[in-house]
Amino acid sequence: IEGRTLYDAGVTDNLPVDAARALGAGYVIAVDVIGHRTIPPGGAY
């Protein structure tokens, strides 16, 4: 797009709060759907 080769946002900004503010938002509700594990790492996978 416009001469740039583009990829997934998750690499650099997976929850774009700053982008929402730049659109004029004074109050930003962010929704994180990655979630957080409640179990410790174990095994390579």
All heavy atoms as atom14 arrays in JSON, in Angstrom:
{
  "sequence": "IEGRTLYDAGVTDNLPVDAARALGAGYVIAVDVIGHRTIPPGGAY",
  "atom14_mask": [
    [1, 1, 1, 1, 1, 1, 1, 1, 0, 0, 0, 0, 0, 0],
    [1, 1, 1, 1, 1, 1, 1, 1, 1, 0, 0, 0, 0, 0],
    [1, 1, 1, 1, 0, 0, 0, 0, 0, 0, 0, 0, 0, 0],
    [1, 1, 1, 1, 1, 1, 1, 1, 1, 1, 1, 0, 0, 0],
    [1, 1, 1, 1, 1, 1, 1, 0, 0, 0, 0, 0, 0, 0],
    [1, 1, 1, 1, 1, 1, 1, 1, 0, 0, 0, 0, 0, 0],
    [1, 1, 1, 1, 1, 1, 1, 1, 1, 1, 1, 1, 0, 0],
    [1, 1, 1, 1, 1, 1, 1, 1, 0, 0, 0, 0, 0, 0],
    [1, 1, 1, 1, 1, 0, 0, 0, 0, 0, 0, 0, 0, 0],
    [1, 1, 1, 1, 0, 0, 0, 0, 0, 0, 0, 0, 0, 0],
    [1, 1, 1, 1, 1, 1, 1, 0, 0, 0, 0, 0, 0, 0],
    [1, 1, 1, 1, 1, 1, 1, 0, 0, 0, 0, 0, 0, 0],
    [1, 1, 1, 1, 1, 1, 1, 1, 0, 0, 0, 0, 0, 0],
    [1, 1, 1, 1, 1, 1, 1, 1, 0, 0, 0, 0, 0, 0],
    [1, 1, 1, 1, 1, 1, 1, 1, 0, 0, 0, 0, 0, 0],
    [1, 1, 1, 1, 1, 1, 1, 0, 0, 0, 0, 0, 0, 0],
    [1, 1, 1, 1, 1, 1, 1, 0, 0, 0, 0, 0, 0, 0],
    [1, 1, 1, 1, 1, 1, 1, 1, 0, 0, 0, 0, 0, 0],
    [1, 1, 1, 1, 1, 0, 0, 0, 0, 0, 0, 0, 0, 0],
    [1, 1, 1, 1, 1, 0, 0, 0, 0, 0, 0, 0, 0, 0],
    [1, 1, 1, 1, 1, 1, 1, 1, 1, 1, 1, 0, 0, 0],
    [1, 1, 1, 1, 1, 0, 0, 0, 0, 0, 0, 0, 0, 0],
    [1, 1, 1, 1, 1, 1, 1, 1, 0, 0, 0, 0, 0, 0],
    [1, 1, 1, 1, 0, 0, 0, 0, 0, 0, 0, 0, 0, 0],
    [1, 1, 1, 1, 1, 0, 0, 0, 0, 0, 0, 0, 0, 0],
    [1, 1, 1, 1, 0, 0, 0, 0, 0, 0, 0, 0, 0, 0],
    [1, 1, 1, 1, 1, 1, 1, 1, 1, 1, 1, 1, 0, 0],
    [1, 1, 1, 1, 1, 1, 1, 0, 0, 0, 0, 0, 0, 0],
    [1, 1, 1, 1, 1, 1, 1, 1, 0, 0, 0, 0, 0, 0],
    [1, 1, 1, 1, 1, 0, 0, 0, 0, 0, 0, 0, 0, 0],
    [1, 1, 1, 1, 1, 1, 1, 0, 0, 0, 0, 0, 0, 0],
    [1, 1, 1, 1, 1, 1, 1, 1, 0, 0, 0, 0, 0, 0],
    [1, 1, 1, 1, 1, 1, 1, 0, 0, 0, 0, 0, 0, 0],
    [1, 1, 1, 1, 1, 1, 1, 1, 0, 0, 0, 0, 0, 0],
    [1, 1, 1, 1, 0, 0, 0, 0, 0, 0, 0, 0, 0, 0],
    [1, 1, 1, 1, 1, 1, 1, 1, 1, 1, 0, 0, 0, 0],
    [1, 1, 1, 1, 1, 1, 1, 1, 1, 1, 1, 0, 0, 0],
    [1, 1, 1, 1, 1, 1, 1, 0, 0, 0, 0, 0, 0, 0],
    [1, 1, 1, 1, 1, 1, 1, 1, 0, 0, 0, 0, 0, 0],
    [1, 1, 1, 1, 1, 1, 1, 0, 0, 0, 0, 0, 0, 0],
    [1, 1, 1, 1, 1, 1, 1, 0, 0, 0, 0, 0, 0, 0],
    [1, 1, 1, 1, 0, 0, 0, 0, 0, 0, 0, 0, 0, 0],
    [1, 1, 1, 1, 0, 0, 0, 0, 0, 0, 0, 0, 0, 0],
    [1, 1, 1, 1, 1, 0, 0, 0, 0, 0, 0, 0, 0, 0],
    [1, 1, 1, 1, 1, 1, 1, 1, 1, 1, 1, 1, 0, 0]
  ],
  "atom14_positions": [
    [[0.87, -1.17, 0.0], [0.0, 0.0, 0.0], [0.9, 1.22, 0.0], [1.76, 1.37, 0.89], [-0.94, 0.02, 1.22], [-1.91, -1.17, 1.18], [-1.73, 1.32, 1.28], [-2.85, -1.25, 2.37], [0.0, 0.0, 0.0], [0.0, 0.0, 0.0], [0.0, 0.0, 0.0], [0.0, 0.0, 0.0], [0.0, 0.0, 0.0], [0.0, 0.0, 0.0]],
    [[0.76, 2.04, -1.0], [1.55, 3.27, -1.15], [3.05, 2.97, -1.06], [3.81, 3.69, -0.4], [1.13, 4.3, -0.11], [-0.31, 4.77, -0.27], [-0.71, 5.83, 0.72], [0.1, 6.16, 1.62], [-1.85, 6.34, 0.62], [0.0, 0.0, 0.0], [0.0, 0.0, 0.0], [0.0, 0.0, 0.0], [0.0, 0.0, 0.0], [0.0, 0.0, 0.0]],
    [[3.47, 1.89, -1.74], [4.88, 1.57, -1.83], [5.47, 0.86, -0.62], [6.66, 0.54, -0.61], [0.0, 0.0, 0.0], [0.0, 0.0, 0.0], [0.0, 0.0, 0.0], [0.0, 0.0, 0.0], [0.0, 0.0, 0.0], [0.0, 0.0, 0.0], [0.0, 0.0, 0.0], [0.0, 0.0, 0.0], [0.0, 0.0, 0.0], [0.0, 0.0, 0.0]],
    [[4.65, 0.56, 0.39], [5.13, -0.13, 1.58], [4.59, -1.55, 1.61], [3.41, -1.78, 1.33], [4.68, 0.58, 2.86], [5.41, 1.89, 3.13], [4.87, 2.52, 4.39], [5.92, 3.09, 5.21], [5.73, 3.8, 6.31], [4.49, 4.01, 6.73], [6.73, 4.27, 7.0], [0.0, 0.0, 0.0], [0.0, 0.0, 0.0], [0.0, 0.0, 0.0]],
    [[5.46, -2.5, 1.94], [5.03, -3.88, 2.12], [4.59, -4.05, 3.56], [5.39, -3.85, 4.48], [6.18, -4.86, 1.8], [6.62, -4.62, 0.45], [5.71, -6.3, 1.93], [0.0, 0.0, 0.0], [0.0, 0.0, 0.0], [0.0, 0.0, 0.0], [0.0, 0.0, 0.0], [0.0, 0.0, 0.0], [0.0, 0.0, 0.0], [0.0, 0.0, 0.0]],
    [[3.31, -4.39, 3.76], [2.72, -4.33, 5.09], [2.3, -5.7, 5.61], [1.89, -6.58, 4.86], [1.5, -3.4, 5.08], [1.8, -1.94, 4.69], [0.51, -1.12, 4.71], [2.84, -1.33, 5.62], [0.0, 0.0, 0.0], [0.0, 0.0, 0.0], [0.0, 0.0, 0.0], [0.0, 0.0, 0.0], [0.0, 0.0, 0.0], [0.0, 0.0, 0.0]],
    [[2.41, -5.83, 6.93], [2.11, -7.06, 7.64], [1.2, -6.77, 8.84], [0.84, -5.63, 9.11], [3.4, -7.71, 8.13], [4.33, -8.2, 7.05], [5.26, -7.34, 6.46], [4.31, -9.53, 6.62], [6.13, -7.78, 5.48], [5.18, -9.99, 5.64], [6.09, -9.11, 5.08], [6.95, -9.55, 4.1], [0.0, 0.0, 0.0], [0.0, 0.0, 0.0]],
    [[0.95, -7.82, 9.59], [0.05, -7.79, 10.74], [0.45, -6.73, 11.78], [1.63, -6.58, 12.12], [0.05, -9.17, 11.41], [-1.11, -9.37, 12.34], [-1.15, -8.72, 13.39], [-1.98, -10.21, 12.03], [0.0, 0.0, 0.0], [0.0, 0.0, 0.0], [0.0, 0.0, 0.0], [0.0, 0.0, 0.0], [0.0, 0.0, 0.0], [0.0, 0.0, 0.0]],
    [[-0.56, -6.04, 12.3], [-0.33, -5.01, 13.31], [0.21, -5.57, 14.62], [0.85, -4.85, 15.38], [-1.64, -4.27, 13.59], [0.0, 0.0, 0.0], [0.0, 0.0, 0.0], [0.0, 0.0, 0.0], [0.0, 0.0, 0.0], [0.0, 0.0, 0.0], [0.0, 0.0, 0.0], [0.0, 0.0, 0.0], [0.0, 0.0, 0.0], [0.0, 0.0, 0.0]],
    [[-0.05, -6.86, 14.88], [0.34, -7.43, 16.16], [1.81, -7.36, 16.45], [2.23, -7.39, 17.61], [0.0, 0.0, 0.0], [0.0, 0.0, 0.0], [0.0, 0.0, 0.0], [0.0, 0.0, 0.0], [0.0, 0.0, 0.0], [0.0, 0.0, 0.0], [0.0, 0.0, 0.0], [0.0, 0.0, 0.0], [0.0, 0.0, 0.0], [0.0, 0.0, 0.0]],
    [[2.64, -7.23, 15.43], [4.08, -7.16, 15.61], [4.48, -5.88, 16.34], [5.39, -5.88, 17.17], [4.81, -7.25, 14.26], [6.32, -7.13, 14.43], [4.44, -8.54, 13.53], [0.0, 0.0, 0.0], [0.0, 0.0, 0.0], [0.0, 0.0, 0.0], [0.0, 0.0, 0.0], [0.0, 0.0, 0.0], [0.0, 0.0, 0.0], [0.0, 0.0, 0.0]],
    [[3.8, -4.77, 16.04], [4.23, -3.48, 16.57], [3.2, -2.78, 17.44], [3.56, -1.99, 18.32], [4.58, -2.52, 15.4], [3.49, -2.52, 14.46], [5.87, -2.96, 14.71], [0.0, 0.0, 0.0], [0.0, 0.0, 0.0], [0.0, 0.0, 0.0], [0.0, 0.0, 0.0], [0.0, 0.0, 0.0], [0.0, 0.0, 0.0], [0.0, 0.0, 0.0]],
    [[1.91, -3.01, 17.19], [0.88, -2.28, 17.94], [-0.42, -3.09, 17.95], [-1.33, -2.81, 17.19], [0.64, -0.9, 17.32], [-0.19, 0.01, 18.2], [-0.55, -0.4, 19.33], [-0.49, 1.14, 17.77], [0.0, 0.0, 0.0], [0.0, 0.0, 0.0], [0.0, 0.0, 0.0], [0.0, 0.0, 0.0], [0.0, 0.0, 0.0], [0.0, 0.0, 0.0]],
    [[-0.48, -4.05, 18.83], [-1.61, -4.98, 18.83], [-2.86, -4.43, 19.5], [-3.93, -5.01, 19.39], [-1.23, -6.3, 19.49], [-2.16, -7.42, 19.11], [-2.38, -7.69, 17.93], [-2.74, -8.09, 20.11], [0.0, 0.0, 0.0], [0.0, 0.0, 0.0], [0.0, 0.0, 0.0], [0.0, 0.0, 0.0], [0.0, 0.0, 0.0], [0.0, 0.0, 0.0]],
    [[-2.74, -3.31, 20.19], [-3.89, -2.69, 20.86], [-3.78, -1.18, 20.64], [-3.24, -0.46, 21.47], [-3.87, -3.04, 22.35], [-5.17, -2.87, 23.15], [-6.3, -3.68, 22.54], [-4.97, -3.27, 24.6], [0.0, 0.0, 0.0], [0.0, 0.0, 0.0], [0.0, 0.0, 0.0], [0.0, 0.0, 0.0], [0.0, 0.0, 0.0], [0.0, 0.0, 0.0]],
    [[-4.29, -0.69, 19.5], [-3.95, 0.66, 19.02], [-4.67, 1.81, 19.71], [-5.48, 2.53, 19.11], [-4.3, 0.59, 17.53], [-5.41, -0.41, 17.46], [-5.11, -1.44, 18.53], [0.0, 0.0, 0.0], [0.0, 0.0, 0.0], [0.0, 0.0, 0.0], [0.0, 0.0, 0.0], [0.0, 0.0, 0.0], [0.0, 0.0, 0.0], [0.0, 0.0, 0.0]],
    [[-4.34, 2.01, 20.97], [-4.94, 3.09, 21.75], [-4.52, 4.45, 21.21], [-5.34, 5.36, 21.07], [-4.56, 2.95, 23.24], [-4.99, 4.18, 24.03], [-5.19, 1.69, 23.83], [0.0, 0.0, 0.0], [0.0, 0.0, 0.0], [0.0, 0.0, 0.0], [0.0, 0.0, 0.0], [0.0, 0.0, 0.0], [0.0, 0.0, 0.0], [0.0, 0.0, 0.0]],
    [[-3.23, 4.6, 20.89], [-2.76, 5.9, 20.38], [-3.46, 6.26, 19.07], [-3.77, 7.43, 18.83], [-1.25, 5.86, 20.17], [-0.48, 5.86, 21.48], [-1.08, 6.17, 22.52], [0.73, 5.55, 21.46], [0.0, 0.0, 0.0], [0.0, 0.0, 0.0], [0.0, 0.0, 0.0], [0.0, 0.0, 0.0], [0.0, 0.0, 0.0], [0.0, 0.0, 0.0]],
    [[-3.71, 5.27, 18.23], [-4.4, 5.54, 16.96], [-5.83, 6.01, 17.22], [-6.35, 6.88, 16.5], [-4.4, 4.29, 16.09], [0.0, 0.0, 0.0], [0.0, 0.0, 0.0], [0.0, 0.0, 0.0], [0.0, 0.0, 0.0], [0.0, 0.0, 0.0], [0.0, 0.0, 0.0], [0.0, 0.0, 0.0], [0.0, 0.0, 0.0], [0.0, 0.0, 0.0]],
    [[-6.49, 5.44, 18.24], [-7.84, 5.89, 18.59], [-7.82, 7.32, 19.11], [-8.7, 8.13, 18.78], [-8.45, 4.95, 19.62], [0.0, 0.0, 0.0], [0.0, 0.0, 0.0], [0.0, 0.0, 0.0], [0.0, 0.0, 0.0], [0.0, 0.0, 0.0], [0.0, 0.0, 0.0], [0.0, 0.0, 0.0], [0.0, 0.0, 0.0], [0.0, 0.0, 0.0]],
    [[-6.83, 7.66, 19.9], [-6.73, 9.03, 20.39], [-6.48, 10.01, 19.24], [-7.01, 11.12, 19.22], [-5.59, 9.14, 21.41], [-5.86, 8.41, 22.71], [-4.97, 8.9, 23.83], [-4.97, 7.97, 24.95], [-5.95, 7.83, 25.83], [-7.04, 8.57, 25.72], [-5.85, 6.94, 26.8], [0.0, 0.0, 0.0], [0.0, 0.0, 0.0], [0.0, 0.0, 0.0]],
    [[-5.66, 9.58, 18.27], [-5.38, 10.45, 17.12], [-6.63, 10.72, 16.29], [-6.7, 11.73, 15.58], [-4.29, 9.82, 16.25], [0.0, 0.0, 0.0], [0.0, 0.0, 0.0], [0.0, 0.0, 0.0], [0.0, 0.0, 0.0], [0.0, 0.0, 0.0], [0.0, 0.0, 0.0], [0.0, 0.0, 0.0], [0.0, 0.0, 0.0], [0.0, 0.0, 0.0]],
    [[-7.62, 9.84, 16.38], [-8.89, 10.05, 15.69], [-9.81, 11.02, 16.44], [-10.88, 11.35, 15.95], [-9.62, 8.71, 15.5], [-8.99, 7.74, 14.51], [-9.71, 6.39, 14.56], [-9.01, 8.28, 13.09], [0.0, 0.0, 0.0], [0.0, 0.0, 0.0], [0.0, 0.0, 0.0], [0.0, 0.0, 0.0], [0.0, 0.0, 0.0], [0.0, 0.0, 0.0]],
    [[-9.38, 11.43, 17.63], [-10.16, 12.41, 18.39], [-10.75, 11.9, 19.69], [-11.46, 12.64, 20.38], [0.0, 0.0, 0.0], [0.0, 0.0, 0.0], [0.0, 0.0, 0.0], [0.0, 0.0, 0.0], [0.0, 0.0, 0.0], [0.0, 0.0, 0.0], [0.0, 0.0, 0.0], [0.0, 0.0, 0.0], [0.0, 0.0, 0.0], [0.0, 0.0, 0.0]],
    [[-10.47, 10.66, 20.05], [-11.06, 10.1, 21.27], [-10.43, 10.72, 22.52], [-9.21, 10.81, 22.63], [-10.86, 8.58, 21.3], [0.0, 0.0, 0.0], [0.0, 0.0, 0.0], [0.0, 0.0, 0.0], [0.0, 0.0, 0.0], [0.0, 0.0, 0.0], [0.0, 0.0, 0.0], [0.0, 0.0, 0.0], [0.0, 0.0, 0.0], [0.0, 0.0, 0.0]],
    [[-11.29, 11.12, 23.45], [-10.81, 11.6, 24.74], [-10.84, 10.51, 25.79], [-10.22, 10.64, 26.85], [0.0, 0.0, 0.0], [0.0, 0.0, 0.0], [0.0, 0.0, 0.0], [0.0, 0.0, 0.0], [0.0, 0.0, 0.0], [0.0, 0.0, 0.0], [0.0, 0.0, 0.0], [0.0, 0.0, 0.0], [0.0, 0.0, 0.0], [0.0, 0.0, 0.0]],
    [[-11.59, 9.46, 25.51], [-11.69, 8.31, 26.42], [-11.64, 7.06, 25.54], [-12.48, 6.9, 24.65], [-13.01, 8.36, 27.2], [-13.17, 7.26, 28.23], [-12.66, 7.41, 29.51], [-13.86, 6.08, 27.92], [-12.83, 6.41, 30.47], [-14.02, 5.08, 28.87], [-13.51, 5.25, 30.14], [-13.67, 4.27, 31.08], [0.0, 0.0, 0.0], [0.0, 0.0, 0.0]],
    [[-10.65, 6.2, 25.79], [-10.45, 5.03, 24.94], [-10.73, 3.75, 25.7], [-10.11, 3.48, 26.74], [-9.03, 4.99, 24.35], [-8.84, 3.74, 23.49], [-8.77, 6.23, 23.5], [0.0, 0.0, 0.0], [0.0, 0.0, 0.0], [0.0, 0.0, 0.0], [0.0, 0.0, 0.0], [0.0, 0.0, 0.0], [0.0, 0.0, 0.0], [0.0, 0.0, 0.0]],
    [[-11.65, 2.97, 25.17], [-11.94, 1.63, 25.67], [-11.15, 0.66, 24.79], [-11.37, 0.59, 23.58], [-13.44, 1.32, 25.59], [-14.25, 2.33, 26.39], [-13.72, -0.11, 26.07], [-15.75, 2.26, 26.12], [0.0, 0.0, 0.0], [0.0, 0.0, 0.0], [0.0, 0.0, 0.0], [0.0, 0.0, 0.0], [0.0, 0.0, 0.0], [0.0, 0.0, 0.0]],
    [[-10.22, -0.05, 25.39], [-9.39, -1.01, 24.64], [-9.84, -2.43, 24.95], [-10.14, -2.75, 26.1], [-7.92, -0.83, 25.0], [0.0, 0.0, 0.0], [0.0, 0.0, 0.0], [0.0, 0.0, 0.0], [0.0, 0.0, 0.0], [0.0, 0.0, 0.0], [0.0, 0.0, 0.0], [0.0, 0.0, 0.0], [0.0, 0.0, 0.0], [0.0, 0.0, 0.0]],
    [[-9.87, -3.25, 23.92], [-10.3, -4.64, 24.08], [-9.15, -5.56, 23.66], [-8.8, -5.65, 22.49], [-11.55, -4.95, 23.24], [-12.06, -6.36, 23.57], [-12.65, -3.92, 23.5], [0.0, 0.0, 0.0], [0.0, 0.0, 0.0], [0.0, 0.0, 0.0], [0.0, 0.0, 0.0], [0.0, 0.0, 0.0], [0.0, 0.0, 0.0], [0.0, 0.0, 0.0]],
    [[-8.56, -6.23, 24.65], [-7.45, -7.15, 24.42], [-8.0, -8.56, 24.35], [-8.55, -9.08, 25.32], [-6.45, -7.03, 25.58], [-5.32, -8.04, 25.49], [-5.09, -8.58, 24.39], [-4.67, -8.29, 26.52], [0.0, 0.0, 0.0], [0.0, 0.0, 0.0], [0.0, 0.0, 0.0], [0.0, 0.0, 0.0], [0.0, 0.0, 0.0], [0.0, 0.0, 0.0]],
    [[-7.85, -9.22, 23.2], [-8.39, -10.57, 23.04], [-7.3, -11.64, 23.01], [-7.57, -12.8, 22.72], [-9.27, -10.69, 21.77], [-10.52, -9.84, 21.91], [-8.5, -10.31, 20.51], [0.0, 0.0, 0.0], [0.0, 0.0, 0.0], [0.0, 0.0, 0.0], [0.0, 0.0, 0.0], [0.0, 0.0, 0.0], [0.0, 0.0, 0.0], [0.0, 0.0, 0.0]],
    [[-6.08, -11.25, 23.33], [-5.02, -12.25, 23.45], [-5.21, -13.05, 24.73], [-5.12, -14.27, 24.76], [-3.63, -11.59, 23.45], [-3.33, -11.0, 22.07], [-2.55, -12.62, 23.81], [-3.13, -12.02, 20.98], [0.0, 0.0, 0.0], [0.0, 0.0, 0.0], [0.0, 0.0, 0.0], [0.0, 0.0, 0.0], [0.0, 0.0, 0.0], [0.0, 0.0, 0.0]],
    [[-5.5, -12.35, 25.83], [-5.68, -13.05, 27.11], [-4.35, -13.35, 27.76], [-3.29, -13.23, 27.15], [0.0, 0.0, 0.0], [0.0, 0.0, 0.0], [0.0, 0.0, 0.0], [0.0, 0.0, 0.0], [0.0, 0.0, 0.0], [0.0, 0.0, 0.0], [0.0, 0.0, 0.0], [0.0, 0.0, 0.0], [0.0, 0.0, 0.0], [0.0, 0.0, 0.0]],
    [[-4.41, -13.78, 29.0], [-3.2, -14.06, 29.75], [-3.3, -15.42, 30.41], [-4.28, -15.73, 31.07], [-2.95, -12.97, 30.79], [-2.69, -11.64, 30.16], [-1.45, -11.28, 29.7], [-3.53, -10.62, 29.84], [-1.53, -10.07, 29.15], [-2.78, -9.67, 29.23], [0.0, 0.0, 0.0], [0.0, 0.0, 0.0], [0.0, 0.0, 0.0], [0.0, 0.0, 0.0]],
    [[-2.29, -16.2, 30.21], [-2.27, -17.54, 30.76], [-2.19, -17.5, 32.28], [-1.45, -16.71, 32.85], [-1.07, -18.32, 30.23], [-1.11, -18.53, 28.72], [-1.76, -19.83, 28.36], [-1.88, -19.98, 26.92], [-2.11, -21.13, 26.32], [-2.27, -22.22, 27.01], [-2.21, -21.19, 25.0], [0.0, 0.0, 0.0], [0.0, 0.0, 0.0], [0.0, 0.0, 0.0]],
    [[-2.95, -18.37, 32.91], [-2.88, -18.48, 34.37], [-2.09, -19.71, 34.79], [-2.01, -20.03, 35.95], [-4.3, -18.59, 34.96], [-4.98, -19.7, 34.34], [-5.08, -17.32, 34.7], [0.0, 0.0, 0.0], [0.0, 0.0, 0.0], [0.0, 0.0, 0.0], [0.0, 0.0, 0.0], [0.0, 0.0, 0.0], [0.0, 0.0, 0.0], [0.0, 0.0, 0.0]],
    [[-1.52, -20.41, 33.79], [-0.69, -21.58, 34.06], [0.74, -21.26, 33.67], [0.99, -20.47, 32.78], [-1.19, -22.82, 33.27], [-1.23, -22.5, 31.76], [-2.54, -23.26, 33.76], [-1.59, -23.69, 30.9], [0.0, 0.0, 0.0], [0.0, 0.0, 0.0], [0.0, 0.0, 0.0], [0.0, 0.0, 0.0], [0.0, 0.0, 0.0], [0.0, 0.0, 0.0]],
    [[1.73, -21.85, 34.37], [3.13, -21.56, 34.05], [3.55, -22.25, 32.76], [2.93, -23.22, 32.33], [3.88, -22.15, 35.25], [3.0, -23.26, 35.73], [1.59, -22.79, 35.5], [0.0, 0.0, 0.0], [0.0, 0.0, 0.0], [0.0, 0.0, 0.0], [0.0, 0.0, 0.0], [0.0, 0.0, 0.0], [0.0, 0.0, 0.0], [0.0, 0.0, 0.0]],
    [[4.6, -21.71, 32.1], [5.13, -22.38, 30.91], [5.56, -23.8, 31.26], [5.96, -24.08, 32.39], [6.34, -21.51, 30.53], [6.08, -20.19, 31.17], [5.33, -20.49, 32.43], [0.0, 0.0, 0.0], [0.0, 0.0, 0.0], [0.0, 0.0, 0.0], [0.0, 0.0, 0.0], [0.0, 0.0, 0.0], [0.0, 0.0, 0.0], [0.0, 0.0, 0.0]],
    [[5.5, -24.67, 30.27], [5.91, -26.05, 30.47], [5.94, -26.78, 29.15], [4.9, -26.87, 28.49], [0.0, 0.0, 0.0], [0.0, 0.0, 0.0], [0.0, 0.0, 0.0], [0.0, 0.0, 0.0], [0.0, 0.0, 0.0], [0.0, 0.0, 0.0], [0.0, 0.0, 0.0], [0.0, 0.0, 0.0], [0.0, 0.0, 0.0], [0.0, 0.0, 0.0]],
    [[7.08, -27.25, 28.73], [7.19, -27.87, 27.43], [7.44, -26.82, 26.37], [7.07, -25.65, 26.52], [0.0, 0.0, 0.0], [0.0, 0.0, 0.0], [0.0, 0.0, 0.0], [0.0, 0.0, 0.0], [0.0, 0.0, 0.0], [0.0, 0.0, 0.0], [0.0, 0.0, 0.0], [0.0, 0.0, 0.0], [0.0, 0.0, 0.0], [0.0, 0.0, 0.0]],
    [[8.09, -27.23, 25.27], [8.51, -26.28, 24.25], [7.33, -25.56, 23.61], [7.35, -24.34, 23.45], [9.34, -27.0, 23.19], [0.0, 0.0, 0.0], [0.0, 0.0, 0.0], [0.0, 0.0, 0.0], [0.0, 0.0, 0.0], [0.0, 0.0, 0.0], [0.0, 0.0, 0.0], [0.0, 0.0, 0.0], [0.0, 0.0, 0.0], [0.0, 0.0, 0.0]],
    [[6.28, -26.31, 23.24], [5.15, -25.69, 22.53], [4.42, -24.7, 23.43], [4.17, -23.55, 23.02], [4.19, -26.77, 22.04], [2.93, -26.2, 21.43], [2.95, -25.66, 20.14], [1.72, -26.18, 22.14], [1.8, -25.12, 19.57], [0.58, -25.64, 21.59], [0.62, -25.11, 20.29], [-0.52, -24.57, 19.76], [0.0, 0.0, 0.0], [0.0, 0.0, 0.0]]
  ]
}
